[in-house]
C-alpha atoms as a PDB file:
ATOM      1  CA  MET A   1      11.054  12.139 -17.065  1.00  0.00           C
ATOM      2  CA  LYS A   2       9.060   9.070 -18.119  1.00  0.00           C
ATOM      3  CA  PRO A   3      10.864   6.375 -20.139  1.00  0.00           C
ATOM      4  CA  ARG A   4      10.042   6.296 -23.861  1.00  0.00           C
ATOM      5  CA  LEU A   5       8.345   2.845 -23.717  1.00  0.00           C
ATOM      6  CA  HIS A   6       6.246   3.852 -20.667  1.00  0.00           C
ATOM      7  CA  GLU A   7       4.844   6.817 -22.637  1.00  0.00           C
ATOM      8  CA  HIS A   8       4.231   4.527 -25.601  1.00  0.00           C
ATOM      9  CA  TYR A   9       2.355   2.153 -23.360  1.00  0.00           C
ATOM     10  CA  ASP A  10       0.162   4.901 -21.888  1.00  0.00           C
ATOM     11  CA  LYS A  11      -0.642   6.648 -25.186  1.00  0.00           C
ATOM     12  CA  THR A  12      -0.850   3.799 -27.699  1.00  0.00           C
ATOM     13  CA  VAL A  13      -0.769   0.327 -26.192  1.00  0.00           C
ATOM     14  CA  ARG A  14      -3.447   0.747 -23.414  1.00  0.00           C
ATOM     15  CA  PRO A  15      -6.218   2.082 -25.700  1.00  0.00           C
ATOM     16  CA  LYS A  16      -5.442  -0.551 -28.366  1.00  0.00           C
ATOM     17  CA  LEU A  17      -5.557  -3.461 -25.869  1.00  0.00           C
ATOM     18  CA  ALA A  18      -8.776  -2.155 -24.276  1.00  0.00           C
ATOM     19  CA  GLU A  19     -10.364  -2.037 -27.729  1.00  0.00           C
ATOM     20  CA  GLU A  20      -8.977  -5.400 -28.845  1.00  0.00           C
ATOM     21  CA  PHE A  21     -10.187  -7.328 -25.797  1.00  0.00           C
ATOM     22  CA  GLY A  22     -13.234  -5.234 -24.971  1.00  0.00           C
ATOM     23  CA  LEU A  23     -11.985  -4.155 -21.552  1.00  0.00           C
ATOM     24  CA  GLU A  24     -13.908  -1.270 -20.031  1.00  0.00           C
ATOM     25  CA  ASN A  25     -12.224  -1.135 -16.597  1.00  0.00           C
ATOM     26  CA  VAL A  26      -8.748   0.483 -16.813  1.00  0.00           C
ATOM     27  CA  HIS A  27      -7.431  -1.898 -14.179  1.00  0.00           C
ATOM     28  CA  GLU A  28      -8.237  -4.924 -16.406  1.00  0.00           C
ATOM     29  CA  ILE A  29      -5.903  -3.746 -19.129  1.00  0.00           C
ATOM     30  CA  PRO A  30      -2.708  -5.852 -19.101  1.00  0.00           C
ATOM     31  CA  ARG A  31       0.469  -4.149 -18.089  1.00  0.00           C
ATOM     32  CA  LEU A  32       4.007  -5.167 -17.397  1.00  0.00           C
ATOM     33  CA  GLU A  33       4.516  -5.676 -13.678  1.00  0.00           C
ATOM     34  CA  LYS A  34       8.180  -6.603 -13.435  1.00  0.00           C
ATOM     35  CA  ILE A  35      11.111  -8.104 -15.292  1.00  0.00           C
ATOM     36  CA  VAL A  36      13.235 -10.708 -13.597  1.00  0.00           C
ATOM     37  CA  VAL A  37      16.739 -11.458 -14.943  1.00  0.00           C
ATOM     38  CA  ASN A  38      18.229 -14.669 -13.543  1.00  0.00           C
ATOM     39  CA  VAL A  39      21.669 -16.221 -14.047  1.00  0.00           C
ATOM     40  CA  GLY A  40      22.479 -19.700 -12.798  1.00  0.00           C
ATOM     41  CA  VAL A  41      26.129 -20.333 -12.008  1.00  0.00           C
ATOM     42  CA  GLY A  42      26.766 -24.002 -11.266  1.00  0.00           C
ATOM     43  CA  GLU A  43      30.496 -23.496 -11.032  1.00  0.00           C
ATOM     44  CA  ALA A  44      30.167 -20.855  -8.259  1.00  0.00           C
ATOM     45  CA  SER A  45      30.960 -23.424  -5.562  1.00  0.00           C
ATOM     46  CA  ARG A  46      34.288 -24.286  -7.231  1.00  0.00           C
ATOM     47  CA  GLU A  47      35.179 -20.810  -8.573  1.00  0.00           C
ATOM     48  CA  PRO A  48      34.127 -17.953  -6.311  1.00  0.00           C
ATOM     49  CA  LYS A  49      35.526 -15.333  -8.771  1.00  0.00           C
ATOM     50  CA  MET A  50      33.140 -16.634 -11.406  1.00  0.00           C
ATOM     51  CA  LEU A  51      30.180 -15.515  -9.297  1.00  0.00           C
ATOM     52  CA  ASP A  52      31.760 -12.052  -8.821  1.00  0.00           C
ATOM     53  CA  SER A  53      32.115 -11.721 -12.597  1.00  0.00           C
ATOM     54  CA  VAL A  54      28.454 -12.696 -13.120  1.00  0.00           C
ATOM     55  CA  VAL A  55      27.210 -10.270 -10.428  1.00  0.00           C
ATOM     56  CA  GLU A  56      29.286  -7.467 -12.013  1.00  0.00           C
ATOM     57  CA  ALA A  57      27.940  -8.201 -15.517  1.00  0.00           C
ATOM     58  CA  LEU A  58      24.381  -8.436 -14.269  1.00  0.00           C
ATOM     59  CA  ALA A  59      24.724  -5.145 -12.444  1.00  0.00           C
ATOM     60  CA  ALA A  60      25.984  -3.493 -15.622  1.00  0.00           C
ATOM     61  CA  ILE A  61      23.149  -4.995 -17.726  1.00  0.00           C
ATOM     62  CA  SER A  62      20.325  -4.086 -15.299  1.00  0.00           C
ATOM     63  CA  GLY A  63      21.634  -0.931 -13.670  1.00  0.00           C
ATOM     64  CA  GLN A  64      20.725  -2.404 -10.267  1.00  0.00           C
ATOM     65  CA  LYS A  65      22.645  -4.484  -7.724  1.00  0.00           C
ATOM     66  CA  PRO A  66      21.741  -8.213  -8.086  1.00  0.00           C
ATOM     67  CA  ILE A  67      21.129 -10.554  -5.199  1.00  0.00           C
ATOM     68  CA  VAL A  68      23.061 -13.784  -4.878  1.00  0.00           C
ATOM     69  CA  ASN A  69      20.874 -16.906  -4.843  1.00  0.00           C
ATOM     70  CA  ARG A  70      21.829 -19.686  -2.544  1.00  0.00           C
ATOM     71  CA  ALA A  71      21.022 -23.398  -2.537  1.00  0.00           C
ATOM     72  CA  ARG A  72      17.982 -24.240  -0.440  1.00  0.00           C
ATOM     73  CA  GLN A  73      19.002 -27.819   0.139  1.00  0.00           C
ATOM     74  CA  ALA A  74      22.067 -30.017  -0.267  1.00  0.00           C
ATOM     75  CA  ILE A  75      22.379 -32.223  -3.389  1.00  0.00           C
ATOM     76  CA  SER A  76      25.320 -34.628  -2.970  1.00  0.00           C
ATOM     77  CA  ASN A  77      25.470 -35.662  -6.644  1.00  0.00           C
ATOM     78  CA  PHE A  78      26.226 -32.067  -7.644  1.00  0.00           C
ATOM     79  CA  GLY A  79      28.580 -31.440  -4.722  1.00  0.00           C
ATOM     80  CA  LEU A  80      26.196 -28.840  -3.461  1.00  0.00           C
ATOM     81  CA  ARG A  81      25.657 -27.956   0.193  1.00  0.00           C
ATOM     82  CA  GLN A  82      22.814 -25.893   1.660  1.00  0.00           C
ATOM     83  CA  GLY A  83      23.566 -22.180   1.575  1.00  0.00           C
ATOM     84  CA  MET A  84      26.139 -22.317  -1.223  1.00  0.00           C
ATOM     85  CA  PRO A  85      25.836 -19.611  -3.919  1.00  0.00           C
ATOM     86  CA  VAL A  86      24.291 -20.953  -7.158  1.00  0.00           C
ATOM     87  CA  GLY A  87      23.385 -17.857  -9.092  1.00  0.00           C
ATOM     88  CA  ALA A  88      22.327 -14.233  -9.146  1.00  0.00           C
ATOM     89  CA  SER A  89      19.143 -12.443 -10.011  1.00  0.00           C
ATOM     90  CA  VAL A  90      17.682  -8.955 -10.286  1.00  0.00           C
ATOM     91  CA  THR A  91      14.021  -7.797 -10.265  1.00  0.00           C
ATOM     92  CA  LEU A  92      13.308  -4.606 -12.257  1.00  0.00           C
ATOM     93  CA  ARG A  93      10.198  -2.477 -11.712  1.00  0.00           C
ATOM     94  CA  GLY A  94       9.074   0.992 -12.750  1.00  0.00           C
ATOM     95  CA  ALA A  95      11.323   3.231 -14.838  1.00  0.00           C
ATOM     96  CA  GLN A  96      14.311   0.832 -14.724  1.00  0.00           C
ATOM     97  CA  MET A  97      12.052  -1.946 -16.071  1.00  0.00           C
ATOM     98  CA  TYR A  98      10.946   0.142 -19.086  1.00  0.00           C
ATOM     99  CA  GLU A  99      14.539   1.251 -19.767  1.00  0.00           C
ATOM    100  CA  PHE A 100      15.747  -2.332 -19.693  1.00  0.00           C
ATOM    101  CA  LEU A 101      12.881  -3.492 -21.948  1.00  0.00           C
ATOM    102  CA  ASP A 102      13.773  -0.741 -24.427  1.00  0.00           C
ATOM    103  CA  ARG A 103      17.416  -1.744 -24.488  1.00  0.00           C
ATOM    104  CA  PHE A 104      16.521  -5.423 -24.674  1.00  0.00           C
ATOM    105  CA  ILE A 105      14.170  -5.076 -27.674  1.00  0.00           C
ATOM    106  CA  ASN A 106      16.089  -2.458 -29.651  1.00  0.00           C
ATOM    107  CA  VAL A 107      19.757  -3.165 -28.870  1.00  0.00           C
ATOM    108  CA  ALA A 108      20.346  -6.610 -27.388  1.00  0.00           C
ATOM    109  CA  VAL A 109      17.904  -8.883 -29.263  1.00  0.00           C
ATOM    110  CA  PRO A 110      19.048  -7.749 -32.731  1.00  0.00           C
ATOM    111  CA  ARG A 111      22.597  -8.691 -31.788  1.00  0.00           C
ATOM    112  CA  ILE A 112      21.620 -12.339 -31.228  1.00  0.00           C
ATOM    113  CA  ARG A 113      23.342 -14.554 -33.764  1.00  0.00           C
ATOM    114  CA  ASP A 114      20.995 -15.970 -36.496  1.00  0.00           C
ATOM    115  CA  PHE A 115      18.047 -14.167 -34.948  1.00  0.00           C
ATOM    116  CA  ARG A 116      14.683 -14.896 -36.594  1.00  0.00           C
ATOM    117  CA  GLY A 117      12.379 -13.717 -33.835  1.00  0.00           C
ATOM    118  CA  LEU A 118      11.497 -14.775 -30.288  1.00  0.00           C
ATOM    119  CA  PRO A 119       9.361 -17.935 -29.922  1.00  0.00           C
ATOM    120  CA  GLN A 120       5.741 -17.471 -29.019  1.00  0.00           C
ATOM    121  CA  SER A 121       5.639 -20.819 -27.178  1.00  0.00           C
ATOM    122  CA  SER A 122       7.502 -19.553 -24.092  1.00  0.00           C
ATOM    123  CA  PHE A 123       4.468 -18.377 -22.204  1.00  0.00           C
ATOM    124  CA  ASP A 124       3.758 -20.225 -18.979  1.00  0.00           C
ATOM    125  CA  GLY A 125      -0.016 -20.355 -19.083  1.00  0.00           C
ATOM    126  CA  ARG A 126      -0.405 -17.534 -16.569  1.00  0.00           C
ATOM    127  CA  GLY A 127       0.495 -14.589 -18.787  1.00  0.00           C
ATOM    128  CA  ASN A 128       4.242 -14.564 -18.044  1.00  0.00           C
ATOM    129  CA  TYR A 129       6.856 -14.843 -20.794  1.00  0.00           C
ATOM    130  CA  THR A 130      10.411 -16.205 -20.312  1.00  0.00           C
ATOM    131  CA  VAL A 131      13.170 -16.105 -22.852  1.00  0.00           C
ATOM    132  CA  GLY A 132      16.636 -17.609 -22.501  1.00  0.00           C
ATOM    133  CA  VAL A 133      19.619 -15.671 -23.744  1.00  0.00           C
ATOM    134  CA  LYS A 134      22.733 -17.809 -24.485  1.00  0.00           C
ATOM    135  CA  GLU A 135      25.362 -15.059 -24.221  1.00  0.00           C
ATOM    136  CA  GLN A 136      25.561 -12.019 -22.001  1.00  0.00           C
ATOM    137  CA  VAL A 137      27.737 -10.208 -24.581  1.00  0.00           C
ATOM    138  CA  ILE A 138      24.639  -9.182 -26.637  1.00  0.00           C
ATOM    139  CA  PHE A 139      24.204  -6.368 -24.143  1.00  0.00           C
ATOM    140  CA  PRO A 140      26.520  -3.447 -24.983  1.00  0.00           C
ATOM    141  CA  GLU A 141      27.044  -2.584 -21.293  1.00  0.00           C
ATOM    142  CA  VAL A 142      29.085  -5.747 -20.728  1.00  0.00           C
ATOM    143  CA  ASP A 143      32.808  -5.197 -21.092  1.00  0.00           C
ATOM    144  CA  TYR A 144      34.084  -8.128 -23.200  1.00  0.00           C
ATOM    145  CA  ASP A 145      37.591  -7.953 -21.700  1.00  0.00           C
ATOM    146  CA  ARG A 146      36.376  -8.453 -18.139  1.00  0.00           C
ATOM    147  CA  ILE A 147      34.368 -11.617 -18.880  1.00  0.00           C
ATOM    148  CA  GLN A 148      35.789 -14.827 -17.422  1.00  0.00           C
ATOM    149  CA  LYS A 149      33.308 -17.111 -19.172  1.00  0.00           C
ATOM    150  CA  ILE A 150      30.379 -16.551 -21.446  1.00  0.00           C
ATOM    151  CA  HIS A 151      27.130 -17.523 -19.669  1.00  0.00           C
ATOM    152  CA  GLY A 152      23.444 -17.315 -20.441  1.00  0.00           C
ATOM    153  CA  MET A 153      20.520 -15.854 -18.544  1.00  0.00           C
ATOM    154  CA  ASP A 154      16.794 -16.121 -18.275  1.00  0.00           C
ATOM    155  CA  VAL A 155      14.659 -12.993 -18.694  1.00  0.00           C
ATOM    156  CA  THR A 156      11.099 -13.281 -17.439  1.00  0.00           C
ATOM    157  CA  PHE A 157       8.464 -10.686 -18.239  1.00  0.00           C
ATOM    158  CA  VAL A 158       5.719 -10.768 -15.563  1.00  0.00           C
ATOM    159  CA  THR A 159       2.355  -9.214 -16.627  1.00  0.00           C
ATOM    160  CA  THR A 160      -0.777  -8.443 -14.666  1.00  0.00           C
ATOM    161  CA  THR A 161      -2.926 -10.716 -16.831  1.00  0.00           C
ATOM    162  CA  ASP A 162      -3.311 -14.447 -16.533  1.00  0.00           C
ATOM    163  CA  GLN A 163      -4.203 -14.994 -20.194  1.00  0.00           C
ATOM    164  CA  ASP A 164      -1.351 -15.827 -22.579  1.00  0.00           C
ATOM    165  CA  ASP A 165      -3.085 -14.198 -25.562  1.00  0.00           C
ATOM    166  CA  GLU A 166      -3.462 -10.902 -23.734  1.00  0.00           C
ATOM    167  CA  ALA A 167       0.190 -11.016 -22.620  1.00  0.00           C
ATOM    168  CA  LEU A 168       1.236 -11.817 -26.176  1.00  0.00           C
ATOM    169  CA  ALA A 169      -0.710  -8.824 -27.476  1.00  0.00           C
ATOM    170  CA  LEU A 170       0.847  -6.565 -24.774  1.00  0.00           C
ATOM    171  CA  LEU A 171       4.420  -7.599 -25.525  1.00  0.00           C
ATOM    172  CA  ARG A 172       3.833  -7.477 -29.315  1.00  0.00           C
ATOM    173  CA  GLU A 173       2.523  -3.896 -29.015  1.00  0.00           C
ATOM    174  CA  MET A 174       5.448  -2.957 -26.845  1.00  0.00           C
ATOM    175  CA  GLY A 175       7.694  -3.920 -29.747  1.00  0.00           C
ATOM    176  CA  MET A 176       8.819  -7.441 -28.842  1.00  0.00           C
ATOM    177  CA  PRO A 177       9.916  -9.186 -32.072  1.00  0.00           C
ATOM    178  CA  PHE A 178       8.049 -12.515 -32.107  1.00  0.00           C
ATOM    179  CA  ARG A 179       8.618 -15.131 -34.741  1.00  0.00           C
ATOM    180  CA  GLY A 180       5.986 -15.107 -37.447  1.00  0.00           C
ATOM    181  CA  VAL A 181       4.418 -11.828 -36.283  1.00  0.00           C
ATOM    182  CA  GLU A 182       4.908  -8.454 -37.964  1.00  0.00           C
ATOM    183  CA  PRO A 183       6.867  -6.390 -35.477  1.00  0.00           C
ATOM    184  CA  VAL A 184       5.370  -3.102 -34.193  1.00  0.00           C
ATOM    185  CA  VAL A 185       7.709  -0.119 -34.643  1.00  0.00           C
ATOM    186  CA  VAL A 186       7.927   1.943 -31.479  1.00  0.00           C
END
């Protein structure tokens, strides 16, 4: 069964974007390629259990086993040696990506304290959007009792377009609540 947001994209968003930007070729229409969730854990070298807690929370949030990121080079000022664990990340594609996006937009984002909308200025100039989340507890899948320390994460939405305005229109139509823009109800 197709995820709810994937059906919404196929039936509503694609025709609207094609009309808005005058795209005739179906392959030119922007789409979401992948979502990357990244957590940096600077204390992982001193507290190995901290990294296990982060990996467990990230697996619960994404529904997929994260990979542990290791330092590429040594930095003596940070007490970091090459190969030491420094974080964890997960790349979501396909059905899991749409399920995560649905939960992110409709469940997690409204739980952010003093939320007034996501900033539109976080596009990278190549059609990708990154938002930083300060607490992992906004996701209901995270068990609050098993958390050692509250940490943040970066969520990057990678699109097939290299134009920020097309990517903004895509994410807006998918239901992303941007600051100063009327949200689309999905």
